Amino acid sequence: MIAKRFAAATIMLGLVSAWACDRLPGKPTEDERWVAPSQIADFAQLYSQNCSGCHGTDGRLGAARPLNDPLYLSLLSPDNLRQIIKRGIPSTTMPAFGQQFGGSLTDAQVDLMVEQMRTRWGRPEEFKDVTLPPYSVQETATGGPGPVPGDPQRGFAVYGVYCVQCHGADGTGGAKGGSIVDPNFLRLVSDQSLRTTVIAGRQDIGKPDWRTNLPVRAMSPGEISDVVAWLAAQRPKAQSAEPGPDSKR
């Protein structure tokens, strides 16, 4: 009898101990437990940790282009968006996030980011009857010998038609917009970034898209390429480093 009571007390004590240990003060809940960065599969957490600092909370009102922009998400393909996230954009402030390129995101996490951005923020039905301009210069090749690059001289004339009313006669700023020929700005953006802004605009800062610079006239694909070529031509040329006084070569 005594042995049975002792065994029962031991079992009860074990159950109480197990129950108490599971509720120790400060012990994290299942949701609070640490998860390896490569195992995170929550879009909100991935976006907050990797994107919101530049692109803003909920994809808007950040220093960089808004990602919560249906036109932008319709303009570039899922693979283009995937490659931008993975590889970054060289010579700009957009870093590479793919693990193969020095970042922290796995392929599965990048795929999740792309899928969720398009699902949450895209509205493809709004553009099903809209003929979008080619996203990149490479996509302007339409059965010809290759891509059709823009012409800076023609681009200045295009600028005078579509852009001068906001950015001034020479691009240094006007009544509605700041300078778009500032050398510091042009050093930070790629030609593709300029092209994307011309096409998709920037809703967050009141920059119209390619259809609404003028009330009744949209920019043609050729005009887009030309004005981007003119803007790129205003970028200061990289200066080669001169040998210092102690250089032996």
Protein backbone atom coordinates (compact mmCIF):
# COMPACT_ATOMS: atom_id res chain seq x y z
CA MET A 1 0.00 0.00 0.00
CA ILE A 2 2.78 2.36 0.94
CA ALA A 3 4.60 1.53 -2.31
CA LYS A 4 1.46 2.23 -4.33
CA ARG A 5 0.97 5.58 -2.61
CA PHE A 6 4.61 6.47 -3.17
CA ALA A 7 4.34 5.60 -6.88
CA ALA A 8 1.16 7.65 -7.24
CA ALA A 9 2.77 10.60 -5.49
CA THR A 10 5.82 10.33 -7.73
CA ILE A 11 3.65 10.33 -10.86
CA MET A 12 1.64 13.29 -9.60
CA LEU A 13 4.82 15.18 -8.76
CA GLY A 14 6.15 14.50 -12.24
CA LEU A 15 2.95 15.76 -13.85
CA VAL A 16 2.99 18.93 -11.75
CA SER A 17 6.65 19.52 -12.57
CA ALA A 18 6.03 19.07 -16.28
CA TRP A 19 3.06 21.44 -16.16
CA ALA A 20 5.02 24.04 -14.19
CA CYS A 21 8.09 23.84 -16.47
CA ASP A 22 5.94 24.47 -19.48
CA ARG A 23 4.78 27.73 -17.89
CA LEU A 24 8.00 29.07 -16.48
CA PRO A 25 8.12 32.89 -16.37
CA GLY A 26 9.75 34.26 -19.52
CA LYS A 27 9.54 31.05 -21.49
CA PRO A 28 8.65 31.95 -25.12
CA THR A 29 5.48 30.69 -26.68
CA GLU A 30 5.54 28.68 -29.88
CA ASP A 31 5.06 31.85 -31.92
CA GLU A 32 7.82 33.65 -30.03
CA ARG A 33 10.50 31.01 -30.47
CA TRP A 34 13.51 31.82 -32.62
CA VAL A 35 13.33 30.78 -36.26
CA ALA A 36 16.37 30.59 -38.51
CA PRO A 37 16.32 33.44 -41.08
CA SER A 38 16.29 30.95 -43.96
CA GLN A 39 13.17 29.30 -42.51
CA ILE A 40 11.01 32.43 -42.28
CA ALA A 41 7.99 32.00 -44.52
CA ASP A 42 5.90 35.00 -43.49
CA PHE A 43 5.69 37.75 -46.11
CA ALA A 44 5.05 40.56 -43.64
CA GLN A 45 8.15 39.64 -41.64
CA LEU A 46 10.36 39.21 -44.72
CA TYR A 47 9.19 42.50 -46.20
CA SER A 48 9.61 44.38 -42.93
CA GLN A 49 13.14 43.07 -42.42
CA ASN A 50 14.40 43.47 -45.97
CA CYS A 51 12.36 46.03 -47.90
CA SER A 52 10.44 48.50 -45.76
CA GLY A 53 13.48 50.60 -44.88
CA CYS A 54 13.70 51.83 -48.48
CA HIS A 55 10.28 51.10 -50.00
CA GLY A 56 8.15 52.08 -47.02
CA THR A 57 5.69 50.34 -44.77
CA ASP A 58 3.11 48.48 -46.85
CA GLY A 59 5.19 49.24 -49.96
CA ARG A 60 4.56 52.98 -50.03
CA LEU A 61 5.97 56.31 -48.88
CA GLY A 62 9.61 55.24 -48.68
CA ALA A 63 12.71 56.83 -50.16
CA ALA A 64 12.76 54.34 -53.04
CA ARG A 65 10.14 53.48 -55.64
CA PRO A 66 6.84 52.26 -54.15
CA LEU A 67 6.28 48.55 -54.71
CA ASN A 68 2.61 48.82 -53.78
CA ASP A 69 1.88 50.13 -57.28
CA PRO A 70 -0.42 48.12 -59.59
CA LEU A 71 0.96 49.75 -62.75
CA TYR A 72 4.56 48.99 -61.81
CA LEU A 73 3.67 45.37 -60.97
CA SER A 74 1.91 45.01 -64.33
CA LEU A 75 4.78 46.60 -66.23
CA LEU A 76 7.50 44.17 -65.22
CA SER A 77 7.18 40.40 -65.37
CA PRO A 78 7.39 38.17 -62.29
CA ASP A 79 10.80 37.00 -63.47
CA ASN A 80 12.07 40.57 -63.83
CA LEU A 81 10.96 41.31 -60.27
CA ARG A 82 12.52 38.06 -59.07
CA GLN A 83 15.87 38.90 -60.68
CA ILE A 84 15.87 42.42 -59.23
CA ILE A 85 15.36 41.04 -55.73
CA LYS A 86 17.95 38.31 -56.18
CA ARG A 87 20.68 40.23 -57.99
CA GLY A 88 20.01 43.83 -56.98
CA ILE A 89 20.86 46.64 -59.39
CA PRO A 90 24.60 47.28 -59.76
CA SER A 91 25.90 50.82 -59.17
CA THR A 92 22.69 51.81 -57.37
CA THR A 93 21.43 51.62 -53.78
CA MET A 94 19.44 48.44 -54.53
CA PRO A 95 21.43 45.53 -53.04
CA ALA A 96 21.26 41.85 -53.94
CA PHE A 97 19.13 39.77 -51.56
CA GLY A 98 19.56 36.31 -53.10
CA GLN A 99 21.89 33.99 -51.24
CA GLN A 100 23.78 33.19 -54.47
CA PHE A 101 24.65 36.88 -54.76
CA GLY A 102 25.65 37.56 -51.17
CA GLY A 103 22.22 38.23 -49.69
CA SER A 104 20.20 36.37 -47.07
CA LEU A 105 17.07 35.22 -48.92
CA THR A 106 16.59 31.71 -50.26
CA ASP A 107 15.02 31.09 -53.67
CA ALA A 108 11.81 30.02 -51.94
CA GLN A 109 11.70 33.26 -49.95
CA VAL A 110 12.27 35.35 -53.08
CA ASP A 111 9.48 33.46 -54.84
CA LEU A 112 7.21 34.13 -51.86
CA MET A 113 8.03 37.84 -51.96
CA VAL A 114 7.23 38.08 -55.67
CA GLU A 115 4.01 36.09 -55.40
CA GLN A 116 2.73 38.05 -52.39
CA MET A 117 3.60 41.48 -53.81
CA ARG A 118 1.64 40.71 -56.95
CA THR A 119 -1.26 39.12 -55.05
CA ARG A 120 -1.58 41.86 -52.43
CA TRP A 121 -0.70 44.94 -54.44
CA GLY A 122 -1.26 44.09 -58.09
CA ARG A 123 -4.49 44.76 -59.97
CA PRO A 124 -3.87 43.26 -63.42
CA GLU A 125 -7.53 43.59 -64.41
CA GLU A 126 -7.07 47.37 -64.56
CA PHE A 127 -4.52 47.02 -67.37
CA LYS A 128 -5.92 44.14 -69.41
CA ASP A 129 -6.96 46.55 -72.19
CA VAL A 130 -3.86 48.78 -71.90
CA THR A 131 -0.90 48.35 -74.23
CA LEU A 132 2.04 48.79 -71.92
CA PRO A 133 5.33 50.10 -73.32
CA PRO A 134 8.31 47.70 -73.30
CA TYR A 135 9.70 47.48 -69.78
CA SER A 136 13.34 47.54 -70.90
CA VAL A 137 15.30 48.72 -73.92
CA GLN A 138 16.05 45.06 -74.66
CA GLU A 139 12.34 44.43 -75.03
CA THR A 140 12.02 47.07 -77.78
CA ALA A 141 13.39 44.59 -80.31
CA THR A 142 10.36 43.62 -82.41
CA GLY A 143 11.61 41.38 -85.17
CA GLY A 144 14.37 43.78 -86.16
CA PRO A 145 18.14 43.38 -85.82
CA GLY A 146 18.03 44.11 -82.09
CA PRO A 147 16.90 46.56 -79.41
CA VAL A 148 16.11 50.10 -80.47
CA PRO A 149 18.20 52.48 -78.34
CA GLY A 150 17.07 56.00 -77.67
CA ASP A 151 18.59 59.11 -79.18
CA PRO A 152 19.65 61.90 -76.78
CA GLN A 153 19.09 64.69 -79.30
CA ARG A 154 15.57 63.56 -80.03
CA GLY A 155 15.16 63.00 -76.30
CA PHE A 156 15.73 66.67 -75.53
CA ALA A 157 12.92 67.56 -77.93
CA VAL A 158 10.68 64.95 -76.25
CA TYR A 159 11.58 66.44 -72.88
CA GLY A 160 10.41 69.84 -74.11
CA VAL A 161 7.00 68.40 -74.96
CA TYR A 162 6.23 66.17 -71.97
CA CYS A 163 8.43 67.18 -69.04
CA VAL A 164 9.32 70.87 -69.20
CA GLN A 165 6.13 72.06 -67.51
CA CYS A 166 7.15 70.34 -64.26
CA HIS A 167 10.95 70.13 -64.34
CA GLY A 168 11.86 73.39 -66.07
CA ALA A 169 13.42 74.25 -69.41
CA ASP A 170 16.75 72.54 -68.70
CA GLY A 171 15.69 69.89 -66.19
CA THR A 172 17.05 71.71 -63.15
CA GLY A 173 13.61 72.11 -61.57
CA GLY A 174 10.36 73.91 -62.12
CA ALA A 175 7.09 74.84 -60.48
CA LYS A 176 5.94 71.25 -59.89
CA GLY A 177 9.08 69.13 -59.85
CA GLY A 178 12.69 69.14 -58.75
CA SER A 179 15.85 68.70 -60.76
CA ILE A 180 16.15 65.52 -62.79
CA VAL A 181 19.64 66.34 -64.06
CA ASP A 182 21.22 66.63 -60.63
CA PRO A 183 24.49 64.68 -60.90
CA ASN A 184 24.07 63.11 -57.48
CA PHE A 185 20.62 61.83 -58.40
CA LEU A 186 21.77 60.47 -61.75
CA ARG A 187 24.70 58.65 -60.16
CA LEU A 188 22.30 56.79 -57.87
CA VAL A 189 19.83 55.56 -60.50
CA SER A 190 20.23 53.17 -63.39
CA ASP A 191 18.98 53.79 -66.92
CA GLN A 192 16.32 51.15 -66.27
CA SER A 193 15.18 53.02 -63.16
CA LEU A 194 14.82 56.20 -65.23
CA ARG A 195 12.85 54.30 -67.85
CA THR A 196 10.59 52.71 -65.25
CA THR A 197 9.84 56.11 -63.71
CA VAL A 198 9.03 57.64 -67.10
CA ILE A 199 6.61 54.80 -67.84
CA ALA A 200 5.02 54.06 -64.46
CA GLY A 201 5.42 57.47 -62.84
CA ARG A 202 5.56 57.86 -59.07
CA GLN A 203 2.07 58.06 -57.63
CA ASP A 204 3.45 58.74 -54.18
CA ILE A 205 5.04 62.04 -55.25
CA GLY A 206 2.58 63.06 -57.97
CA LYS A 207 4.72 62.04 -60.96
CA PRO A 208 2.32 61.07 -63.81
CA ASP A 209 2.80 57.93 -65.87
CA TRP A 210 3.52 57.86 -69.61
CA ARG A 211 -0.16 58.33 -70.46
CA THR A 212 -0.88 61.43 -68.42
CA ASN A 213 2.03 63.86 -68.85
CA LEU A 214 -0.25 65.60 -71.35
CA PRO A 215 -4.06 65.41 -71.16
CA VAL A 216 -4.68 63.91 -74.61
CA ARG A 217 -1.38 62.41 -75.69
CA ALA A 218 0.54 59.44 -74.36
CA MET A 219 4.26 59.00 -74.92
CA SER A 220 5.20 56.51 -77.62
CA PRO A 221 7.74 53.74 -76.92
CA GLY A 222 10.27 55.59 -79.08
CA GLU A 223 9.75 58.83 -77.17
CA ILE A 224 10.24 57.00 -73.89
CA SER A 225 13.55 55.55 -75.06
CA ASP A 226 14.68 58.92 -76.40
CA VAL A 227 13.99 60.92 -73.24
CA VAL A 228 15.69 58.26 -71.11
CA ALA A 229 18.72 58.44 -73.41
CA TRP A 230 18.83 62.23 -72.95
CA LEU A 231 18.58 61.91 -69.17
CA ALA A 232 21.32 59.26 -69.10
CA ALA A 233 23.54 61.53 -71.20
CA GLN A 234 23.37 64.15 -68.43
CA ARG A 235 24.99 61.73 -65.96
CA PRO A 236 28.57 62.77 -65.17
CA LYS A 237 31.16 60.50 -66.73
CA ALA A 238 33.13 58.43 -64.24
CA GLN A 239 36.54 59.94 -63.65
CA SER A 240 39.55 57.65 -63.64
CA ALA A 241 41.62 57.79 -60.49
CA GLU A 242 44.83 59.75 -60.93
CA PRO A 243 48.05 58.22 -59.52
CA GLY A 244 49.05 59.65 -56.16
CA PRO A 245 52.43 61.22 -55.49
CA ASP A 246 53.73 57.99 -53.97
CA SER A 247 52.56 55.78 -56.81
CA LYS A 248 55.29 53.82 -58.59
CA ARG A 249 53.20 53.15 -61.69
